[in-house]
Amino acid sequence: MPARSEAVELPVGERTVRLSSPDRVYFPEIGFTKLDLAQYYLAVGDGILRALRERPTMLHRFPKGLAGPKVHQKRVPAGAPDWIETVRLHFPRYGLHADELCPTELAAIIWAVQMSTVEFHPWNVRCTDVDRPDEWRIDLDPMPDAGFDRVRRVAGVVHEVLDELAVVGYPKTSGGSGLHVYVRIEPRWTFTEVRRAALAFAREIERRMPDDVTTTWWRKDRDPRHVFVDFNQNARDHTIASAYSVRGVPTGTVSTPVRWDEIADVEPQDLTVRTVPARFAALGDLDAAMDDRAFSLEPLLAWAERDEREGAATPPEEERESMP
């Protein structure tokens, strides 16, 4: 369908966001347009804003829709409205900085859609302290021959270990083949320390499920039937699609919060831009209580010290290859 020339204006809270080319098809396989995408994010507005609020957020833009190239946008472009809030991040490896979007209201998210954003990838810090994460991310990343049934089994043990630690985790589908679990933590530790704690947790899952789980650093050395517990997603400048973020895939899947008791039956491919708004209307935001309590990493750091005394090596932190 050709893009319509006239723009539409969307009321978003106290603001009005102008959406140009609203009929431009972003998802050809399902006929989903730019306006449809904006309306999706309005429908899950409370959830997506809670996931992104006050977090530096990288934008995955598709200016020509999914049929065209993807742009990883760190910097908010010149000419953004003066009410768009940003935070300055520094990248010592490149000697550069970027002023990234820091959403504090839903209108900023809809403005990003106007800028052809499909996916939202926030950091695990708040804009008030960009060096101390307040979120620990457990990424269950299946290797090519590991089906989602195996991810389900691993998630069960993740839940078991979190319960033993008296820690509350909030699971969500990745929008692909994996599963994420987020834990709110006290913002006391550096990225390096959070990653170290995440590695200790991952090794505990591997000990309990050696036939299903790997923490092997190099991809070429991993068993293709295993689930990689990707502790490196807690390193600086590593981001994951947020809760309620659409993914840039033809079927328009969504990274969707789920209850622990849903994981046994959930089919991630069923959670899409077409189905998630009704689910959100019925269930509300399953992550709504996440900020009610922050947990300590001290038990995990004690595990890390034990592992290191026993000779476990800490893999090097993977660095991003480019600075867009």
C-alpha atoms as a PDB file:
ATOM      1  CA  MET A   1       0.000   0.000   0.000  1.00  0.00           C
ATOM      2  CA  PRO A   2       1.515   3.379  -0.905  1.00  0.00           C
ATOM      3  CA  ALA A   3       2.165   5.811   1.922  1.00  0.00           C
ATOM      4  CA  ARG A   4      -0.499   8.486   2.319  1.00  0.00           C
ATOM      5  CA  SER A   5       0.816  12.012   2.021  1.00  0.00           C
ATOM      6  CA  GLU A   6      -1.270  13.625   4.751  1.00  0.00           C
ATOM      7  CA  ALA A   7      -0.214  13.293   8.353  1.00  0.00           C
ATOM      8  CA  VAL A   8      -2.395  12.516  11.350  1.00  0.00           C
ATOM      9  CA  GLU A   9      -2.204  14.062  14.788  1.00  0.00           C
ATOM     10  CA  LEU A  10      -2.410  11.777  17.802  1.00  0.00           C
ATOM     11  CA  PRO A  11      -3.350  13.103  21.242  1.00  0.00           C
ATOM     12  CA  VAL A  12      -0.960  11.568  23.796  1.00  0.00           C
ATOM     13  CA  GLY A  13      -1.542  12.817  27.311  1.00  0.00           C
ATOM     14  CA  GLU A  14      -1.120  16.581  27.299  1.00  0.00           C
ATOM     15  CA  ARG A  15       0.681  16.557  23.955  1.00  0.00           C
ATOM     16  CA  THR A  16      -0.161  16.030  20.319  1.00  0.00           C
ATOM     17  CA  VAL A  17       2.251  13.992  18.216  1.00  0.00           C
ATOM     18  CA  ARG A  18       2.230  14.416  14.460  1.00  0.00           C
ATOM     19  CA  LEU A  19       2.555  11.139  12.553  1.00  0.00           C
ATOM     20  CA  SER A  20       3.587  11.468   8.921  1.00  0.00           C
ATOM     21  CA  SER A  21       2.971   8.759   6.295  1.00  0.00           C
ATOM     22  CA  PRO A  22       0.575   6.889   8.576  1.00  0.00           C
ATOM     23  CA  ASP A  23      -0.323   4.354   5.872  1.00  0.00           C
ATOM     24  CA  ARG A  24       3.263   3.290   5.207  1.00  0.00           C
ATOM     25  CA  VAL A  25       3.333  -0.480   5.642  1.00  0.00           C
ATOM     26  CA  TYR A  26       5.996  -1.487   8.157  1.00  0.00           C
ATOM     27  CA  PHE A  27       5.130  -5.207   8.369  1.00  0.00           C
ATOM     28  CA  PRO A  28       4.214  -6.380   4.849  1.00  0.00           C
ATOM     29  CA  GLU A  29       3.419  -9.940   5.923  1.00  0.00           C
ATOM     30  CA  ILE A  30       0.597  -8.801   8.215  1.00  0.00           C
ATOM     31  CA  GLY A  31      -0.217  -5.464   6.568  1.00  0.00           C
ATOM     32  CA  PHE A  32       0.666  -3.479   9.703  1.00  0.00           C
ATOM     33  CA  THR A  33       1.205   0.233   9.122  1.00  0.00           C
ATOM     34  CA  LYS A  34       3.003   3.020  10.890  1.00  0.00           C
ATOM     35  CA  LEU A  35      -0.303   4.222  12.329  1.00  0.00           C
ATOM     36  CA  ASP A  36      -1.095   0.687  13.484  1.00  0.00           C
ATOM     37  CA  LEU A  37       2.272   0.596  15.253  1.00  0.00           C
ATOM     38  CA  ALA A  38       1.582   3.889  17.024  1.00  0.00           C
ATOM     39  CA  GLN A  39      -1.847   2.647  18.084  1.00  0.00           C
ATOM     40  CA  TYR A  40      -0.314  -0.563  19.402  1.00  0.00           C
ATOM     41  CA  TYR A  41       2.067   1.410  21.633  1.00  0.00           C
ATOM     42  CA  LEU A  42      -0.810   3.604  22.813  1.00  0.00           C
ATOM     43  CA  ALA A  43      -2.776   0.474  23.734  1.00  0.00           C
ATOM     44  CA  VAL A  44       0.051  -0.830  25.946  1.00  0.00           C
ATOM     45  CA  GLY A  45       1.113   2.656  27.001  1.00  0.00           C
ATOM     46  CA  ASP A  46       1.309   2.121  30.757  1.00  0.00           C
ATOM     47  CA  GLY A  47       3.411  -1.019  30.277  1.00  0.00           C
ATOM     48  CA  ILE A  48       5.882   0.266  27.698  1.00  0.00           C
ATOM     49  CA  LEU A  49       6.367   3.519  29.618  1.00  0.00           C
ATOM     50  CA  ARG A  50       7.016   1.645  32.861  1.00  0.00           C
ATOM     51  CA  ALA A  51       9.618  -0.487  31.052  1.00  0.00           C
ATOM     52  CA  LEU A  52      11.391   2.539  29.561  1.00  0.00           C
ATOM     53  CA  ARG A  53      10.800   5.271  32.119  1.00  0.00           C
ATOM     54  CA  GLU A  54      13.986   7.234  32.831  1.00  0.00           C
ATOM     55  CA  ARG A  55      16.169   4.676  31.050  1.00  0.00           C
ATOM     56  CA  PRO A  56      18.618   5.532  28.258  1.00  0.00           C
ATOM     57  CA  THR A  57      16.995   3.888  25.266  1.00  0.00           C
ATOM     58  CA  MET A  58      18.484   2.853  21.950  1.00  0.00           C
ATOM     59  CA  LEU A  59      16.046   2.890  19.050  1.00  0.00           C
ATOM     60  CA  HIS A  60      15.890   0.257  16.329  1.00  0.00           C
ATOM     61  CA  ARG A  61      14.478   2.179  13.385  1.00  0.00           C
ATOM     62  CA  PHE A  62      13.170   0.907  10.061  1.00  0.00           C
ATOM     63  CA  PRO A  63      12.744   4.035   7.904  1.00  0.00           C
ATOM     64  CA  LYS A  64      11.463   1.981   4.951  1.00  0.00           C
ATOM     65  CA  GLY A  65       9.662  -0.622   7.011  1.00  0.00           C
ATOM     66  CA  LEU A  66      10.934  -4.141   7.567  1.00  0.00           C
ATOM     67  CA  ALA A  67      11.713  -4.470   3.877  1.00  0.00           C
ATOM     68  CA  GLY A  68      14.464  -1.870   4.260  1.00  0.00           C
ATOM     69  CA  PRO A  69      17.588  -1.595   6.422  1.00  0.00           C
ATOM     70  CA  LYS A  70      17.543  -1.357  10.216  1.00  0.00           C
ATOM     71  CA  VAL A  71      19.212   1.618  11.899  1.00  0.00           C
ATOM     72  CA  HIS A  72      20.558   1.297  15.452  1.00  0.00           C
ATOM     73  CA  GLN A  73      20.023   4.828  16.736  1.00  0.00           C
ATOM     74  CA  LYS A  74      21.806   5.893  19.893  1.00  0.00           C
ATOM     75  CA  ARG A  75      21.686   9.641  19.420  1.00  0.00           C
ATOM     76  CA  VAL A  76      18.442  11.578  19.407  1.00  0.00           C
ATOM     77  CA  PRO A  77      18.495  13.376  16.053  1.00  0.00           C
ATOM     78  CA  ALA A  78      18.738  17.130  15.712  1.00  0.00           C
ATOM     79  CA  GLY A  79      15.374  18.799  15.430  1.00  0.00           C
ATOM     80  CA  ALA A  80      13.660  16.690  18.107  1.00  0.00           C
ATOM     81  CA  PRO A  81      10.938  18.569  20.022  1.00  0.00           C
ATOM     82  CA  ASP A  82      12.261  20.533  22.975  1.00  0.00           C
ATOM     83  CA  TRP A  83      10.190  18.432  25.377  1.00  0.00           C
ATOM     84  CA  ILE A  84      12.027  15.215  24.446  1.00  0.00           C
ATOM     85  CA  GLU A  85      14.292  14.296  27.356  1.00  0.00           C
ATOM     86  CA  THR A  86      17.745  12.817  26.832  1.00  0.00           C
ATOM     87  CA  VAL A  87      20.695  11.631  28.883  1.00  0.00           C
ATOM     88  CA  ARG A  88      24.353  11.843  27.878  1.00  0.00           C
ATOM     89  CA  LEU A  89      26.249   8.558  27.761  1.00  0.00           C
ATOM     90  CA  HIS A  90      30.000   8.242  27.245  1.00  0.00           C
ATOM     91  CA  PHE A  91      31.776   5.534  25.252  1.00  0.00           C
ATOM     92  CA  PRO A  92      35.449   5.586  26.262  1.00  0.00           C
ATOM     93  CA  ARG A  93      36.474   3.020  23.636  1.00  0.00           C
ATOM     94  CA  TYR A  94      35.547   5.460  20.892  1.00  0.00           C
ATOM     95  CA  GLY A  95      36.136   8.727  22.736  1.00  0.00           C
ATOM     96  CA  LEU A  96      32.555   9.652  21.908  1.00  0.00           C
ATOM     97  CA  HIS A  97      29.293  10.395  23.628  1.00  0.00           C
ATOM     98  CA  ALA A  98      25.643  10.138  22.697  1.00  0.00           C
ATOM     99  CA  ASP A  99      22.552  11.914  23.952  1.00  0.00           C
ATOM    100  CA  GLU A 100      20.069   9.032  24.101  1.00  0.00           C
ATOM    101  CA  LEU A 101      16.337   9.192  24.481  1.00  0.00           C
ATOM    102  CA  CYS A 102      15.267   8.980  28.121  1.00  0.00           C
ATOM    103  CA  PRO A 103      11.480   8.513  28.095  1.00  0.00           C
ATOM    104  CA  THR A 104       9.484  10.077  30.895  1.00  0.00           C
ATOM    105  CA  GLU A 105       6.121  10.240  29.142  1.00  0.00           C
ATOM    106  CA  LEU A 106       4.265   8.178  26.570  1.00  0.00           C
ATOM    107  CA  ALA A 107       4.399  10.981  24.001  1.00  0.00           C
ATOM    108  CA  ALA A 108       8.178  10.450  23.714  1.00  0.00           C
ATOM    109  CA  ILE A 109       7.587   6.841  22.714  1.00  0.00           C
ATOM    110  CA  ILE A 110       5.019   7.797  20.076  1.00  0.00           C
ATOM    111  CA  TRP A 111       7.416  10.482  18.805  1.00  0.00           C
ATOM    112  CA  ALA A 112      10.008   7.697  18.390  1.00  0.00           C
ATOM    113  CA  VAL A 113       7.459   5.758  16.319  1.00  0.00           C
ATOM    114  CA  GLN A 114       7.100   8.864  14.159  1.00  0.00           C
ATOM    115  CA  MET A 115      10.865   8.585  13.701  1.00  0.00           C
ATOM    116  CA  SER A 116      10.293   5.028  12.337  1.00  0.00           C
ATOM    117  CA  THR A 117      11.214   3.212  15.552  1.00  0.00           C
ATOM    118  CA  VAL A 118       9.904  -0.332  15.838  1.00  0.00           C
ATOM    119  CA  GLU A 119      11.995  -1.706  18.737  1.00  0.00           C
ATOM    120  CA  PHE A 120      12.971  -0.061  22.029  1.00  0.00           C
ATOM    121  CA  HIS A 121      16.165  -1.256  23.724  1.00  0.00           C
ATOM    122  CA  PRO A 122      16.730   0.346  27.146  1.00  0.00           C
ATOM    123  CA  TRP A 123      19.841   0.179  29.292  1.00  0.00           C
ATOM    124  CA  ASN A 124      19.578  -1.454  32.715  1.00  0.00           C
ATOM    125  CA  VAL A 125      20.236   1.881  34.459  1.00  0.00           C
ATOM    126  CA  ARG A 126      18.233   4.996  35.203  1.00  0.00           C
ATOM    127  CA  CYS A 127      19.142   8.397  33.811  1.00  0.00           C
ATOM    128  CA  THR A 128      19.930   9.639  37.327  1.00  0.00           C
ATOM    129  CA  ASP A 129      22.899   7.233  37.614  1.00  0.00           C
ATOM    130  CA  VAL A 130      24.093   5.745  34.336  1.00  0.00           C
ATOM    131  CA  ASP A 131      26.941   3.803  35.978  1.00  0.00           C
ATOM    132  CA  ARG A 132      24.983   1.764  38.558  1.00  0.00           C
ATOM    133  CA  PRO A 133      22.458  -0.729  37.149  1.00  0.00           C
ATOM    134  CA  ASP A 134      19.167  -1.195  38.955  1.00  0.00           C
ATOM    135  CA  GLU A 135      18.161  -4.183  36.844  1.00  0.00           C
ATOM    136  CA  TRP A 136      19.675  -7.654  36.598  1.00  0.00           C
ATOM    137  CA  ARG A 137      18.741  -9.397  33.367  1.00  0.00           C
ATOM    138  CA  ILE A 138      18.665 -13.172  32.930  1.00  0.00           C
ATOM    139  CA  ASP A 139      18.660 -13.991  29.216  1.00  0.00           C
ATOM    140  CA  LEU A 140      17.836 -17.582  28.252  1.00  0.00           C
ATOM    141  CA  ASP A 141      19.169 -17.786  24.702  1.00  0.00           C
ATOM    142  CA  PRO A 142      18.608 -21.161  23.010  1.00  0.00           C
ATOM    143  CA  MET A 143      21.239 -22.446  20.622  1.00  0.00           C
ATOM    144  CA  PRO A 144      20.040 -23.549  17.134  1.00  0.00           C
ATOM    145  CA  ASP A 145      19.000 -27.076  18.114  1.00  0.00           C
ATOM    146  CA  ALA A 146      17.401 -26.172  21.446  1.00  0.00           C
ATOM    147  CA  GLY A 147      13.642 -25.868  21.176  1.00  0.00           C
ATOM    148  CA  PHE A 148      11.413 -23.735  23.356  1.00  0.00           C
ATOM    149  CA  ASP A 149      10.505 -26.774  25.467  1.00  0.00           C
ATOM    150  CA  ARG A 150      14.098 -26.751  26.691  1.00  0.00           C
ATOM    151  CA  VAL A 151      13.855 -23.026  27.434  1.00  0.00           C
ATOM    152  CA  ARG A 152      10.736 -23.794  29.483  1.00  0.00           C
ATOM    153  CA  ARG A 153      12.609 -26.403  31.537  1.00  0.00           C
ATOM    154  CA  VAL A 154      15.500 -24.037  32.188  1.00  0.00           C
ATOM    155  CA  ALA A 155      13.086 -21.283  33.196  1.00  0.00           C
ATOM    156  CA  GLY A 156      11.653 -23.632  35.813  1.00  0.00           C
ATOM    157  CA  VAL A 157      15.055 -24.069  37.430  1.00  0.00           C
ATOM    158  CA  VAL A 158      15.749 -20.324  37.187  1.00  0.00           C
ATOM    159  CA  HIS A 159      12.516 -19.761  39.117  1.00  0.00           C
ATOM    160  CA  GLU A 160      13.546 -22.412  41.658  1.00  0.00           C
ATOM    161  CA  VAL A 161      16.929 -20.795  42.319  1.00  0.00           C
ATOM    162  CA  LEU A 162      15.432 -17.314  42.551  1.00  0.00           C
ATOM    163  CA  ASP A 163      12.971 -18.620  45.134  1.00  0.00           C
ATOM    164  CA  GLU A 164      15.867 -20.102  47.125  1.00  0.00           C
ATOM    165  CA  LEU A 165      17.491 -16.663  47.078  1.00  0.00           C
ATOM    166  CA  ALA A 166      14.169 -15.065  48.132  1.00  0.00           C
ATOM    167  CA  VAL A 167      14.346 -12.943  44.985  1.00  0.00           C
ATOM    168  CA  VAL A 168      11.374 -12.053  42.768  1.00  0.00           C
ATOM    169  CA  GLY A 169      11.944 -12.331  39.028  1.00  0.00           C
ATOM    170  CA  TYR A 170       9.651 -11.119  36.267  1.00  0.00           C
ATOM    171  CA  PRO A 171       9.689 -13.283  33.123  1.00  0.00           C
ATOM    172  CA  LYS A 172       8.884 -12.211  29.589  1.00  0.00           C
ATOM    173  CA  THR A 173       9.192 -13.696  26.160  1.00  0.00           C
ATOM    174  CA  SER A 174      11.980 -12.252  24.051  1.00  0.00           C
ATOM    175  CA  GLY A 175       9.795 -11.890  20.986  1.00  0.00           C
ATOM    176  CA  GLY A 176      12.062 -14.506  19.393  1.00  0.00           C
ATOM    177  CA  SER A 177      13.012 -17.964  20.578  1.00  0.00           C
ATOM    178  CA  GLY A 178      14.189 -17.130  24.085  1.00  0.00           C
ATOM    179  CA  LEU A 179      12.993 -15.918  27.440  1.00  0.00           C
ATOM    180  CA  HIS A 180      14.112 -13.077  29.708  1.00  0.00           C
ATOM    181  CA  VAL A 181      13.770 -12.688  33.467  1.00  0.00           C
ATOM    182  CA  TYR A 182      14.265  -9.276  35.066  1.00  0.00           C
ATOM    183  CA  VAL A 183      15.094  -8.621  38.710  1.00  0.00           C
ATOM    184  CA  ARG A 184      15.061  -5.173  40.284  1.00  0.00           C
ATOM    185  CA  ILE A 185      18.280  -4.681  42.233  1.00  0.00           C
ATOM    186  CA  GLU A 186      19.699  -2.041  44.533  1.00  0.00           C
ATOM    187  CA  PRO A 187      21.760   0.401  42.408  1.00  0.00           C
ATOM    188  CA  ARG A 188      24.931  -0.182  44.423  1.00  0.00           C
ATOM    189  CA  TRP A 189      27.125  -2.091  42.003  1.00  0.00           C
ATOM    190  CA  THR A 190      28.987  -1.343  38.777  1.00  0.00           C
ATOM    191  CA  PHE A 191      28.255  -3.030  35.448  1.00  0.00           C
ATOM    192  CA  THR A 192      31.265  -5.283  36.005  1.00  0.00           C
ATOM    193  CA  GLU A 193      29.984  -6.388  39.395  1.00  0.00           C
ATOM    194  CA  VAL A 194      26.448  -7.006  38.132  1.00  0.00           C
ATOM    195  CA  ARG A 195      27.825  -9.061  35.248  1.00  0.00           C
ATOM    196  CA  ARG A 196      29.984 -11.030  37.693  1.00  0.00           C
ATOM    197  CA  ALA A 197      26.929 -11.794  39.840  1.00  0.00           C
ATOM    198  CA  ALA A 198      24.931 -12.771  36.743  1.00  0.00           C
ATOM    199  CA  LEU A 199      27.703 -15.173  35.716  1.00  0.00           C
ATOM    200  CA  ALA A 200      27.658 -16.815  39.156  1.00  0.00           C
ATOM    201  CA  PHE A 201      23.905 -17.319  38.864  1.00  0.00           C
ATOM    202  CA  ALA A 202      24.273 -18.718  35.336  1.00  0.00           C
ATOM    203  CA  ARG A 203      26.902 -21.198  36.554  1.00  0.00           C
ATOM    204  CA  GLU A 204      24.540 -22.397  39.273  1.00  0.00           C
ATOM    205  CA  ILE A 205      21.849 -23.078  36.664  1.00  0.00           C
ATOM    206  CA  GLU A 206      24.450 -24.908  34.557  1.00  0.00           C
ATOM    207  CA  ARG A 207      25.480 -27.056  37.549  1.00  0.00           C
ATOM    208  CA  ARG A 208      21.874 -28.114  38.082  1.00  0.00           C
ATOM    209  CA  MET A 209      21.147 -28.694  34.378  1.00  0.00           C
ATOM    210  CA  PRO A 210      24.411 -29.746  32.701  1.00  0.00           C
ATOM    211  CA  ASP A 211      22.561 -31.469  29.853  1.00  0.00           C
ATOM    212  CA  ASP A 212      20.476 -28.397  29.046  1.00  0.00           C
ATOM    213  CA  VAL A 213      22.466 -25.279  29.937  1.00  0.00           C
ATOM    214  CA  THR A 214      25.777 -23.744  28.964  1.00  0.00           C
ATOM    215  CA  THR A 215      27.774 -20.733  30.093  1.00  0.00           C
ATOM    216  CA  THR A 216      30.532 -21.417  27.543  1.00  0.00           C
ATOM    217  CA  TRP A 217      31.811 -18.076  26.320  1.00  0.00           C
ATOM    218  CA  TRP A 218      32.624 -18.771  22.657  1.00  0.00           C
ATOM    219  CA  ARG A 219      29.605 -19.572  20.515  1.00  0.00           C
ATOM    220  CA  LYS A 220      31.567 -22.060  18.398  1.00  0.00           C
ATOM    221  CA  ASP A 221      32.267 -24.109  21.527  1.00  0.00           C
ATOM    222  CA  ARG A 222      28.666 -24.329  22.737  1.00  0.00           C
ATOM    223  CA  ASP A 223      26.554 -27.447  22.340  1.00  0.00           C
ATOM    224  CA  PRO A 224      23.867 -26.502  19.776  1.00  0.00           C
ATOM    225  CA  ARG A 225      21.262 -28.311  21.888  1.00  0.00           C
ATOM    226  CA  HIS A 226      21.871 -26.164  24.975  1.00  0.00           C
ATOM    227  CA  VAL A 227      20.396 -22.943  26.294  1.00  0.00           C
ATOM    228  CA  PHE A 228      23.021 -20.254  26.838  1.00  0.00           C
ATOM    229  CA  VAL A 229      22.405 -18.196  29.970  1.00  0.00           C
ATOM    230  CA  ASP A 230      23.741 -14.947  28.562  1.00  0.00           C
ATOM    231  CA  PHE A 231      25.245 -13.164  31.584  1.00  0.00           C
ATOM    232  CA  ASN A 232      26.967 -10.679  29.265  1.00  0.00           C
ATOM    233  CA  GLN A 233      23.658  -8.879  28.692  1.00  0.00           C
ATOM    234  CA  ASN A 234      24.470  -7.150  31.979  1.00  0.00           C
ATOM    235  CA  ALA A 235      27.632  -5.538  30.602  1.00  0.00           C
ATOM    236  CA  ARG A 236      27.805  -1.831  29.875  1.00  0.00           C
ATOM    237  CA  ASP A 237      26.106  -0.739  26.625  1.00  0.00           C
ATOM    238  CA  HIS A 238      24.295  -4.057  26.190  1.00  0.00           C
ATOM    239  CA  THR A 239      20.580  -3.743  25.731  1.00  0.00           C
ATOM    240  CA  ILE A 240      17.603  -6.061  25.310  1.00  0.00           C
ATOM    241  CA  ALA A 241      14.233  -5.292  23.766  1.00  0.00           C
ATOM    242  CA  SER A 242      12.019  -3.977  26.529  1.00  0.00           C
ATOM    243  CA  ALA A 243       8.831  -5.454  27.826  1.00  0.00           C
ATOM    244  CA  TYR A 244       6.041  -4.674  25.316  1.00  0.00           C
ATOM    245  CA  SER A 245       8.529  -3.797  22.583  1.00  0.00           C
ATOM    246  CA  VAL A 246       7.542  -4.995  19.147  1.00  0.00           C
ATOM    247  CA  ARG A 247      10.279  -6.979  17.417  1.00  0.00           C
ATOM    248  CA  GLY A 248      11.390  -6.256  13.872  1.00  0.00           C
ATOM    249  CA  VAL A 249      10.300  -9.605  12.469  1.00  0.00           C
ATOM    250  CA  PRO A 250       7.660 -10.228   9.789  1.00  0.00           C
ATOM    251  CA  THR A 251       5.002 -11.557  12.167  1.00  0.00           C
ATOM    252  CA  GLY A 252       5.273  -8.616  14.563  1.00  0.00           C
ATOM    253  CA  THR A 253       5.976 -10.588  17.719  1.00  0.00           C
ATOM    254  CA  VAL A 254       6.172  -8.717  21.012  1.00  0.00           C
ATOM    255  CA  SER A 255       8.488  -9.184  23.990  1.00  0.00           C
ATOM    256  CA  THR A 256       5.666  -9.906  26.412  1.00  0.00           C
ATOM    257  CA  PRO A 257       5.567 -10.252  30.209  1.00  0.00           C
ATOM    258  CA  VAL A 258       4.125 -13.591  31.298  1.00  0.00           C
ATOM    259  CA  ARG A 259       3.311 -15.197  34.628  1.00  0.00           C
ATOM    260  CA  TRP A 260       5.565 -17.984  35.806  1.00  0.00           C
ATOM    261  CA  ASP A 261       2.662 -20.417  35.622  1.00  0.00           C
ATOM    262  CA  GLU A 262       2.090 -19.525  31.965  1.00  0.00           C
ATOM    263  CA  ILE A 263       5.536 -20.545  30.794  1.00  0.00           C
ATOM    264  CA  ALA A 264       4.636 -24.241  30.540  1.00  0.00           C
ATOM    265  CA  ASP A 265       2.083 -23.486  27.836  1.00  0.00           C
ATOM    266  CA  VAL A 266       2.955 -20.109  26.333  1.00  0.00           C
ATOM    267  CA  GLU A 267       3.719 -19.975  22.621  1.00  0.00           C
ATOM    268  CA  PRO A 268       5.838 -16.857  22.013  1.00  0.00           C
ATOM    269  CA  GLN A 269       4.833 -16.668  18.362  1.00  0.00           C
ATOM    270  CA  ASP A 270       1.216 -16.107  19.446  1.00  0.00           C
ATOM    271  CA  LEU A 271       2.130 -12.909  21.303  1.00  0.00           C
ATOM    272  CA  THR A 272       2.038 -10.275  18.565  1.00  0.00           C
ATOM    273  CA  VAL A 273       1.002  -6.722  17.805  1.00  0.00           C
ATOM    274  CA  ARG A 274      -2.422  -8.140  16.978  1.00  0.00           C
ATOM    275  CA  THR A 275      -2.944 -10.103  20.208  1.00  0.00           C
ATOM    276  CA  VAL A 276      -1.035  -8.340  22.978  1.00  0.00           C
ATOM    277  CA  PRO A 277      -3.303  -5.250  23.281  1.00  0.00           C
ATOM    278  CA  ALA A 278      -6.284  -7.428  24.239  1.00  0.00           C
ATOM    279  CA  ARG A 279      -4.100  -9.395  26.645  1.00  0.00           C
ATOM    280  CA  PHE A 280      -2.868  -6.157  28.203  1.00  0.00           C
ATOM    281  CA  ALA A 281      -6.432  -4.857  28.543  1.00  0.00           C
ATOM    282  CA  ALA A 282      -7.449  -8.076  30.310  1.00  0.00           C
ATOM    283  CA  LEU A 283      -4.408  -8.643  32.552  1.00  0.00           C
ATOM    284  CA  GLY A 284      -2.869  -5.207  32.943  1.00  0.00           C
ATOM    285  CA  ASP A 285       0.892  -4.842  33.281  1.00  0.00           C
ATOM    286  CA  LEU A 286       2.308  -7.993  34.839  1.00  0.00           C
ATOM    287  CA  ASP A 287       5.473  -6.027  35.685  1.00  0.00           C
ATOM    288  CA  ALA A 288       3.593  -3.329  37.619  1.00  0.00           C
ATOM    289  CA  ALA A 289       4.999  -4.391  41.003  1.00  0.00           C
ATOM    290  CA  MET A 290       8.621  -4.711  39.873  1.00  0.00           C
ATOM    291  CA  ASP A 291       9.688  -1.403  41.397  1.00  0.00           C
ATOM    292  CA  ASP A 292       8.134  -2.199  44.771  1.00  0.00           C
ATOM    293  CA  ARG A 293      11.250  -3.974  46.059  1.00  0.00           C
ATOM    294  CA  ALA A 294      14.925  -4.011  45.082  1.00  0.00           C
ATOM    295  CA  PHE A 295      17.146  -6.974  45.923  1.00  0.00           C
ATOM    296  CA  SER A 296      20.768  -7.351  46.949  1.00  0.00           C
ATOM    297  CA  LEU A 297      23.432  -9.035  44.813  1.00  0.00           C
ATOM    298  CA  GLU A 298      25.589  -9.921  47.824  1.00  0.00           C
ATOM    299  CA  PRO A 299      24.611 -13.640  47.824  1.00  0.00           C
ATOM    300  CA  LEU A 300      25.510 -13.936  44.142  1.00  0.00           C
ATOM    301  CA  LEU A 301      28.783 -12.079  44.602  1.00  0.00           C
ATOM    302  CA  ALA A 302      29.618 -14.549  47.376  1.00  0.00           C
ATOM    303  CA  TRP A 303      28.948 -17.357  44.872  1.00  0.00           C
ATOM    304  CA  ALA A 304      31.244 -15.583  42.413  1.00  0.00           C
ATOM    305  CA  GLU A 305      34.052 -15.453  45.000  1.00  0.00           C
ATOM    306  CA  ARG A 306      33.590 -19.175  45.702  1.00  0.00           C
ATOM    307  CA  ASP A 307      33.718 -20.032  41.987  1.00  0.00           C
ATOM    308  CA  GLU A 308      36.850 -17.947  41.488  1.00  0.00           C
ATOM    309  CA  ARG A 309      38.585 -19.580  44.452  1.00  0.00           C
ATOM    310  CA  GLU A 310      37.821 -22.920  42.815  1.00  0.00           C
ATOM    311  CA  GLY A 311      39.471 -21.785  39.588  1.00  0.00           C
ATOM    312  CA  ALA A 312      36.572 -20.508  37.494  1.00  0.00           C
ATOM    313  CA  ALA A 313      37.703 -17.896  34.992  1.00  0.00           C
ATOM    314  CA  THR A 314      35.739 -14.742  34.234  1.00  0.00           C
ATOM    315  CA  PRO A 315      35.289 -14.278  30.468  1.00  0.00           C
ATOM    316  CA  PRO A 316      36.245 -10.887  29.053  1.00  0.00           C
ATOM    317  CA  GLU A 317      33.464  -8.375  28.609  1.00  0.00           C
ATOM    318  CA  GLU A 318      32.320  -8.357  25.013  1.00  0.00           C
ATOM    319  CA  GLU A 319      32.491  -4.888  23.505  1.00  0.00           C
ATOM    320  CA  ARG A 320      30.164  -3.430  20.937  1.00  0.00           C
ATOM    321  CA  GLU A 321      31.652  -3.382  17.468  1.00  0.00           C
ATOM    322  CA  SER A 322      30.498   0.060  16.449  1.00  0.00           C
ATOM    323  CA  MET A 323      29.377   3.370  17.828  1.00  0.00           C
ATOM    324  CA  PRO A 324      26.463   4.574  15.680  1.00  0.00           C
END
